[in-house]
Protein backbone atom coordinates (compact mmCIF):
# COMPACT_ATOMS: atom_id res chain seq x y z
CA MET A 1 11.64 -25.76 -7.17
CA VAL A 2 11.81 -25.50 -3.65
CA ALA A 3 9.10 -26.39 -1.21
CA TYR A 4 8.22 -24.05 1.64
CA LYS A 5 6.07 -24.37 4.46
CA ILE A 6 4.15 -21.81 4.85
CA PRO A 7 0.25 -22.06 4.67
CA MET A 8 -1.29 -20.72 1.65
CA TYR A 9 -3.20 -18.26 2.49
CA SER A 10 -0.55 -16.09 3.91
CA TYR A 11 1.24 -14.94 1.69
CA CYS A 12 0.89 -13.98 -1.88
CA LEU A 13 4.25 -15.22 -4.64
CA VAL A 14 6.30 -13.06 -6.91
CA ASN A 15 8.23 -14.69 -9.15
CA ASP A 16 7.11 -18.36 -7.27
CA VAL A 17 8.77 -16.47 -4.35
CA PRO A 18 6.21 -16.34 -1.38
CA ILE A 19 5.95 -12.69 0.09
CA ASN A 20 4.17 -11.68 3.42
CA THR A 21 2.54 -8.80 2.55
CA LYS A 22 0.90 -8.21 5.71
CA ASP A 23 4.00 -6.95 7.16
CA TYR A 24 4.63 -4.35 4.65
CA ILE A 25 0.18 -2.73 5.06
CA LYS A 26 1.47 -2.88 9.30
CA TYR A 27 4.57 -0.98 7.99
CA ILE A 28 2.08 1.63 6.24
CA LYS A 29 0.56 1.57 8.75
CA SER A 30 2.93 2.65 10.88
CA LYS A 31 3.44 6.03 9.01
CA HIS A 32 2.24 8.90 9.32
CA CYS A 33 -0.15 10.85 6.24
CA LEU A 34 2.21 12.11 3.57
CA VAL A 35 -0.26 15.08 3.55
CA CYS A 36 -1.26 16.63 7.20
CA GLY A 37 0.67 13.97 8.48
CA GLY A 38 -1.91 12.91 10.48
CA SER A 39 -2.71 9.82 12.13
CA PRO A 40 -3.96 6.85 12.06
CA VAL A 41 -3.11 5.95 8.59
CA ASP A 42 -5.09 3.51 5.75
CA ALA A 43 -2.87 2.12 3.75
CA ASP A 44 -4.60 3.35 0.24
CA HIS A 45 -2.94 1.34 -2.64
CA GLN A 46 -2.55 2.69 -5.61
CA ASP A 47 -2.86 0.17 -8.05
CA THR A 48 -6.74 -0.52 -6.49
CA ILE A 49 -8.10 -3.97 -5.57
CA GLY A 50 -11.11 -2.40 -7.16
CA MET A 51 -14.80 -3.26 -6.18
CA GLY A 52 -15.76 -6.67 -4.47
CA GLY A 53 -11.96 -7.56 -4.74
CA ASP A 54 -10.96 -9.31 -1.82
CA ARG A 55 -9.02 -6.78 0.69
CA LYS A 56 -7.91 -10.27 2.99
CA LYS A 57 -6.46 -11.74 0.36
CA GLN A 58 -2.36 -10.77 0.15
CA SER A 59 -1.52 -9.57 -3.30
CA ILE A 60 1.64 -7.97 -5.42
CA LYS A 61 -0.97 -4.88 -4.94
CA ASP A 62 -0.31 -4.24 -1.52
CA PHE A 63 3.21 -2.70 -2.25
CA THR A 64 1.91 -0.21 -3.80
CA CYS A 65 -0.15 1.26 -0.76
CA ILE A 66 0.57 4.61 1.00
CA PRO A 67 -0.54 5.31 4.38
CA LEU A 68 -3.33 8.62 4.44
CA CYS A 69 -5.38 9.63 6.54
CA ARG A 70 -8.98 8.68 6.21
CA LYS A 71 -10.11 12.42 5.38
CA HIS A 72 -7.26 12.56 2.52
CA HIS A 73 -7.78 8.69 1.57
CA THR A 74 -11.06 10.08 0.39
CA GLU A 75 -10.33 13.17 -1.18
CA ARG A 76 -7.99 10.86 -3.24
CA HIS A 77 -10.83 9.25 -4.41
CA ASN A 78 -13.50 11.58 -5.05
CA ILE A 79 -11.57 14.34 -7.10
CA GLY A 80 -9.19 11.28 -8.61
CA SER A 81 -5.52 10.73 -8.13
CA PHE A 82 -4.36 13.58 -10.86
CA GLN A 83 -6.06 16.70 -8.95
CA PHE A 84 -5.15 15.22 -5.56
CA GLU A 85 -1.15 15.19 -6.07
CA HIS A 86 -1.54 18.95 -8.28
CA LYS A 87 -3.63 20.44 -5.14
CA HIS A 88 -0.84 18.73 -2.89
CA SER A 89 2.17 18.83 -5.01
CA LEU A 90 2.62 14.88 -4.19
CA ASN A 91 4.05 11.90 -6.78
CA LEU A 92 2.07 9.37 -5.65
CA TRP A 93 4.08 6.75 -6.88
CA LYS A 94 7.10 7.99 -6.40
CA GLU A 95 6.14 7.97 -2.86
CA ALA A 96 4.85 4.79 -2.56
CA PHE A 97 8.59 3.71 -4.67
CA TYR A 98 10.69 5.48 -1.37
CA LEU A 99 8.07 3.82 1.37
CA LEU A 100 8.60 0.43 -0.56
CA ARG A 101 12.52 0.57 -0.57
CA GLY A 102 12.46 2.00 3.03
CA TYR A 103 10.83 -1.44 3.97
CA PHE A 104 13.46 -3.62 2.42
CA ALA A 105 16.09 -1.38 3.30
CA GLU A 106 15.04 -1.88 7.05
């Protein structure tokens, strides 16, 4: 195993490889809302962190984020992902995949 000289708080481990998810969150926040095209946006986690979860701690769940403005982020949480996707003709997991693919392709 390779020893990495990265502080423990600055990354998460994916298969024992350190990955900095903060850069990915910045990438998501640089995008426009998937619904209305507005900005600024929240990095809305598809794989939820949960109530009381540490949002400052990096997690593999950060790679499930999509950009939604505050209005649409709140709406998704209020009506649920299924109804939100149906109402706005979106597949949120597919969008999350395209964003992740675009991030690593850059």
